């Protein structure tokens, strides 16, 4: 498998100190690969990843067959009913074909991922220049969505700033209704920039457009204490991106 086109899913597991080996063994049996381990006083955070599964070939064949059946149905309808406006009729019938094609192409197979990434990169190159407001909107939307799902880290975000290519995110546990100690306990990220970088860390349309404008990510506590940072190259390394 060519790592350049592989998309990974990640998972963070907290383990009591001394039980890391057992946890790692169980995860590796399920196909997970350990990529990072951070030890605390009483527990350790283990970050795993594994390749996302591509769509089975059988499903691709079925999807292609459905598309072929739809095309045949269009041709037969145009011939037997002698519609004076066959183009309009064909357009209306062709929707199931488009749906079937969209269903099969939505799964991130290696070749589809490469094509999608190239198309997104090309679209980014032709699009208008990225504004500071657009960068802020991407991160604000991400934190709002995560907060709506009950993610406490997102609820604790009190400020997002973007200036001179630097995204700075401030975390205030009080905003999430918890104490600093509680925040530190539930936070699985030794470097909170890992969490903040998520909306621009993938080879998709949003990531390829916004990421080149972000030179670094800095996270701080409401009292000014540093909570971790990423350079542009470290953001790229999260998913082996090239730009």
Protein backbone atom coordinates (compact mmCIF):
# COMPACT_ATOMS: atom_id res chain seq x y z
CA UNK A 1 0.00 0.00 0.00
CA UNK A 2 1.39 3.45 -0.99
CA UNK A 3 1.41 5.64 2.18
CA UNK A 4 1.23 8.78 0.03
CA UNK A 5 -2.41 8.11 -0.81
CA UNK A 6 -3.51 6.40 2.42
CA UNK A 7 -6.03 8.17 4.64
CA UNK A 8 -5.91 7.29 8.31
CA UNK A 9 -8.38 7.32 11.15
CA UNK A 10 -6.95 8.11 14.60
CA UNK A 11 -7.96 7.14 18.09
CA UNK A 12 -6.66 8.25 21.51
CA UNK A 13 -6.84 5.77 24.39
CA UNK A 14 -6.14 6.59 28.04
CA UNK A 15 -4.51 3.83 30.06
CA UNK A 16 -3.54 3.55 33.72
CA UNK A 17 0.24 3.67 34.20
CA UNK A 18 1.67 0.17 33.92
CA UNK A 19 -1.11 -1.16 31.66
CA UNK A 20 0.12 0.53 28.46
CA UNK A 21 1.53 -2.72 27.04
CA UNK A 22 -1.75 -4.58 27.42
CA UNK A 23 -3.68 -1.70 25.83
CA UNK A 24 -1.24 -1.46 22.93
CA UNK A 25 -1.36 -5.22 22.29
CA UNK A 26 -5.18 -5.21 22.18
CA UNK A 27 -5.30 -2.24 19.79
CA UNK A 28 -2.66 -3.72 17.47
CA UNK A 29 -4.71 -6.92 17.24
CA UNK A 30 -7.51 -4.76 15.84
CA UNK A 31 -5.20 -3.27 13.20
CA UNK A 32 -4.20 -0.06 15.01
CA UNK A 33 -0.65 1.32 14.91
CA UNK A 34 0.80 3.25 17.89
CA UNK A 35 2.07 6.65 16.72
CA UNK A 36 2.44 8.57 20.00
CA UNK A 37 2.58 7.82 23.73
CA UNK A 38 2.51 10.45 26.47
CA UNK A 39 2.92 9.54 30.12
CA UNK A 40 1.33 11.40 32.99
CA UNK A 41 1.55 10.95 36.73
CA UNK A 42 -1.28 8.41 36.90
CA UNK A 43 -2.25 7.63 33.32
CA UNK A 44 -0.82 7.57 29.82
CA UNK A 45 -2.36 8.77 26.56
CA UNK A 46 -1.76 6.48 23.57
CA UNK A 47 -2.53 7.75 20.07
CA UNK A 48 -3.20 5.10 17.42
CA UNK A 49 -3.94 5.20 13.71
CA UNK A 50 -4.99 2.74 11.02
CA UNK A 51 -5.77 3.06 7.31
CA UNK A 52 -9.39 3.72 6.40
CA UNK A 53 -10.91 0.79 4.54
CA UNK A 54 -11.57 1.35 0.80
CA UNK A 55 -14.90 0.43 -0.78
CA UNK A 56 -15.01 -3.32 -1.62
CA UNK A 57 -14.71 -4.13 -5.34
CA UNK A 58 -18.10 -5.86 -5.21
CA UNK A 59 -19.78 -2.60 -4.24
CA UNK A 60 -18.05 -0.78 -7.08
CA UNK A 61 -19.32 -3.38 -9.56
CA UNK A 62 -22.87 -3.07 -8.23
CA UNK A 63 -22.71 0.72 -8.48
CA UNK A 64 -21.48 0.54 -12.06
CA UNK A 65 -24.24 -1.90 -12.96
CA UNK A 66 -26.93 0.40 -11.56
CA UNK A 67 -25.56 3.26 -13.64
CA UNK A 68 -25.63 1.09 -16.78
CA UNK A 69 -29.26 0.06 -16.12
CA UNK A 70 -30.25 3.72 -15.75
CA UNK A 71 -28.66 4.61 -19.12
CA UNK A 72 -30.45 1.71 -20.86
CA UNK A 73 -33.74 2.85 -19.36
CA UNK A 74 -33.20 6.34 -20.77
CA UNK A 75 -32.53 5.04 -24.29
CA UNK A 76 -35.53 2.70 -24.31
CA UNK A 77 -37.86 5.43 -23.05
CA UNK A 78 -36.71 7.86 -25.74
CA UNK A 79 -37.17 5.31 -28.54
CA UNK A 80 -40.56 3.79 -27.58
CA UNK A 81 -42.43 6.92 -26.47
CA UNK A 82 -41.21 9.26 -29.25
CA UNK A 83 -40.96 12.16 -26.83
CA UNK A 84 -40.63 15.45 -28.79
CA UNK A 85 -38.13 16.68 -26.16
CA UNK A 86 -35.94 13.60 -25.46
CA UNK A 87 -33.08 15.63 -23.98
CA UNK A 88 -35.26 17.02 -21.17
CA UNK A 89 -36.69 13.57 -20.46
CA UNK A 90 -33.23 11.99 -20.34
CA UNK A 91 -32.07 14.65 -17.90
CA UNK A 92 -34.90 13.86 -15.50
CA UNK A 93 -34.28 10.09 -15.63
CA UNK A 94 -30.52 10.38 -15.29
CA UNK A 95 -30.68 11.45 -11.62
CA UNK A 96 -30.49 7.85 -10.23
CA UNK A 97 -27.33 7.36 -12.31
CA UNK A 98 -25.77 10.46 -10.79
CA UNK A 99 -26.76 9.26 -7.32
CA UNK A 100 -25.22 5.83 -7.88
CA UNK A 101 -22.04 7.40 -9.22
CA UNK A 102 -21.84 9.75 -6.22
CA UNK A 103 -22.32 6.86 -3.79
CA UNK A 104 -19.46 4.82 -5.22
CA UNK A 105 -17.06 7.74 -5.53
CA UNK A 106 -17.66 9.04 -2.01
CA UNK A 107 -15.54 6.27 -0.46
CA UNK A 108 -11.88 7.38 -0.14
CA UNK A 109 -10.12 4.72 -2.22
CA UNK A 110 -6.43 5.50 -2.86
CA UNK A 111 -6.97 6.59 -6.49
CA UNK A 112 -10.08 8.61 -5.64
CA UNK A 113 -8.27 10.34 -2.78
CA UNK A 114 -5.39 11.34 -5.05
CA UNK A 115 -7.78 12.70 -7.71
CA UNK A 116 -9.83 14.59 -5.14
CA UNK A 117 -6.73 16.07 -3.56
CA UNK A 118 -5.37 17.22 -6.93
CA UNK A 119 -8.72 18.75 -7.90
CA UNK A 120 -8.99 20.53 -4.55
CA UNK A 121 -5.45 21.87 -4.87
CA UNK A 122 -6.20 23.13 -8.39
CA UNK A 123 -9.42 24.79 -7.22
CA UNK A 124 -7.51 26.49 -4.40
CA UNK A 125 -4.93 27.85 -6.85
CA UNK A 126 -7.67 29.40 -9.05
CA UNK A 127 -9.79 30.74 -6.17
CA UNK A 128 -9.60 34.31 -4.77
CA UNK A 129 -7.01 35.04 -2.10
CA UNK A 130 -7.82 33.75 1.39
CA UNK A 131 -8.84 36.49 3.83
CA UNK A 132 -8.18 36.60 7.57
CA UNK A 133 -11.93 36.51 8.16
CA UNK A 134 -12.22 33.30 6.10
CA UNK A 135 -9.49 31.60 8.15
CA UNK A 136 -11.18 32.61 11.41
CA UNK A 137 -14.55 31.38 10.14
CA UNK A 138 -13.17 27.89 9.42
CA UNK A 139 -11.82 27.51 12.96
CA UNK A 140 -14.88 29.13 14.59
CA UNK A 141 -17.19 26.76 12.69
CA UNK A 142 -15.09 23.76 13.72
CA UNK A 143 -15.18 24.64 17.42
CA UNK A 144 -18.91 25.40 17.25
CA UNK A 145 -19.62 22.03 15.63
CA UNK A 146 -17.47 20.13 18.16
CA UNK A 147 -19.05 22.03 21.03
CA UNK A 148 -22.54 21.12 19.79
CA UNK A 149 -21.48 17.46 19.96
CA UNK A 150 -20.53 17.84 23.62
CA UNK A 151 -16.74 18.05 23.21
CA UNK A 152 -15.57 19.82 26.38
CA UNK A 153 -12.29 21.02 24.83
CA UNK A 154 -14.27 22.91 22.19
CA UNK A 155 -16.60 24.36 24.81
CA UNK A 156 -13.54 25.72 26.64
CA UNK A 157 -12.34 27.78 23.63
CA UNK A 158 -12.71 31.41 24.67
CA UNK A 159 -10.91 33.21 21.84
CA UNK A 160 -9.59 32.54 18.33
CA UNK A 161 -7.23 35.03 16.68
CA UNK A 162 -5.44 35.06 13.32
CA UNK A 163 -2.70 37.54 12.63
CA UNK A 164 0.48 37.39 10.55
CA UNK A 165 -0.17 33.79 9.55
CA UNK A 166 -0.48 32.65 13.19
CA UNK A 167 -3.66 31.07 14.58
CA UNK A 168 -3.85 31.59 18.34
CA UNK A 169 -6.52 29.79 20.36
CA UNK A 170 -7.19 30.50 24.04
CA UNK A 171 -8.73 27.85 26.31
CA UNK A 172 -10.62 28.81 29.48
CA UNK A 173 -11.95 25.82 31.47
CA UNK A 174 -14.42 28.10 33.28
CA UNK A 175 -16.20 28.70 29.97
CA UNK A 176 -16.94 24.96 29.86
CA UNK A 177 -18.03 24.95 33.51
CA UNK A 178 -15.03 22.97 34.81
CA UNK A 179 -11.89 23.66 36.83
CA UNK A 180 -8.32 23.78 35.50
CA UNK A 181 -7.53 20.41 37.13
CA UNK A 182 -10.60 18.82 35.51
CA UNK A 183 -9.62 20.28 32.16
CA UNK A 184 -6.09 18.87 32.44
CA UNK A 185 -7.46 15.46 33.42
CA UNK A 186 -9.85 15.05 30.50
CA UNK A 187 -7.52 16.59 27.90
CA UNK A 188 -5.96 13.69 25.91
CA UNK A 189 -3.66 15.98 23.91
CA UNK A 190 -0.19 16.73 25.31
CA UNK A 191 -0.10 19.42 22.62
CA UNK A 192 -3.49 21.09 22.11
CA UNK A 193 -2.40 22.29 18.67
CA UNK A 194 -3.20 18.72 17.53
CA UNK A 195 -6.86 19.37 18.34
CA UNK A 196 -6.91 22.89 16.89
CA UNK A 197 -5.29 21.83 13.59
CA UNK A 198 -8.04 19.33 12.70
CA UNK A 199 -10.09 21.50 10.27
CA UNK A 200 -7.03 22.15 8.05
CA UNK A 201 -5.14 18.87 8.52
CA UNK A 202 -6.71 16.91 5.65
CA UNK A 203 -6.32 16.74 1.90
CA UNK A 204 -9.73 18.24 1.16
CA UNK A 205 -11.11 21.47 -0.32
CA UNK A 206 -11.12 23.43 2.95
CA UNK A 207 -7.74 22.17 4.11
CA UNK A 208 -5.99 22.80 0.78
CA UNK A 209 -7.39 26.34 0.58
CA UNK A 210 -6.83 27.52 4.16
CA UNK A 211 -3.70 25.60 5.18
CA UNK A 212 -1.17 27.55 3.03
CA UNK A 213 -2.18 30.75 4.85
CA UNK A 214 -1.49 29.27 8.30
CA UNK A 215 2.19 29.41 9.20
CA UNK A 216 1.73 28.14 12.75
CA UNK A 217 -0.82 27.33 15.46
CA UNK A 218 -0.39 28.43 19.08
CA UNK A 219 -2.59 27.41 22.02
CA UNK A 220 -2.59 29.11 25.40
CA UNK A 221 -4.53 29.02 28.65
CA UNK A 222 -6.58 31.99 29.78
CA UNK A 223 -3.76 32.88 32.19
CA UNK A 224 -1.25 32.98 29.31
CA UNK A 225 0.37 29.59 29.99
CA UNK A 226 1.41 27.77 26.76
CA UNK A 227 -0.59 24.64 25.87
CA UNK A 228 1.33 23.63 22.74
CA UNK A 229 2.05 24.82 19.23
CA UNK A 230 2.58 23.50 15.69
CA UNK A 231 4.64 24.87 12.82
CA UNK A 232 3.31 24.64 9.26
CA UNK A 233 5.49 21.57 8.62
CA UNK A 234 4.14 19.84 11.72
CA UNK A 235 0.58 20.42 10.49
CA UNK A 236 1.52 18.80 7.17
CA UNK A 237 3.07 15.84 8.99
CA UNK A 238 -0.22 14.99 10.75
CA UNK A 239 -1.52 13.31 7.58
CA UNK A 240 1.63 13.27 5.42
CA UNK A 241 0.49 16.23 3.31
CA UNK A 242 2.78 18.01 0.83
CA UNK A 243 1.45 21.60 0.99
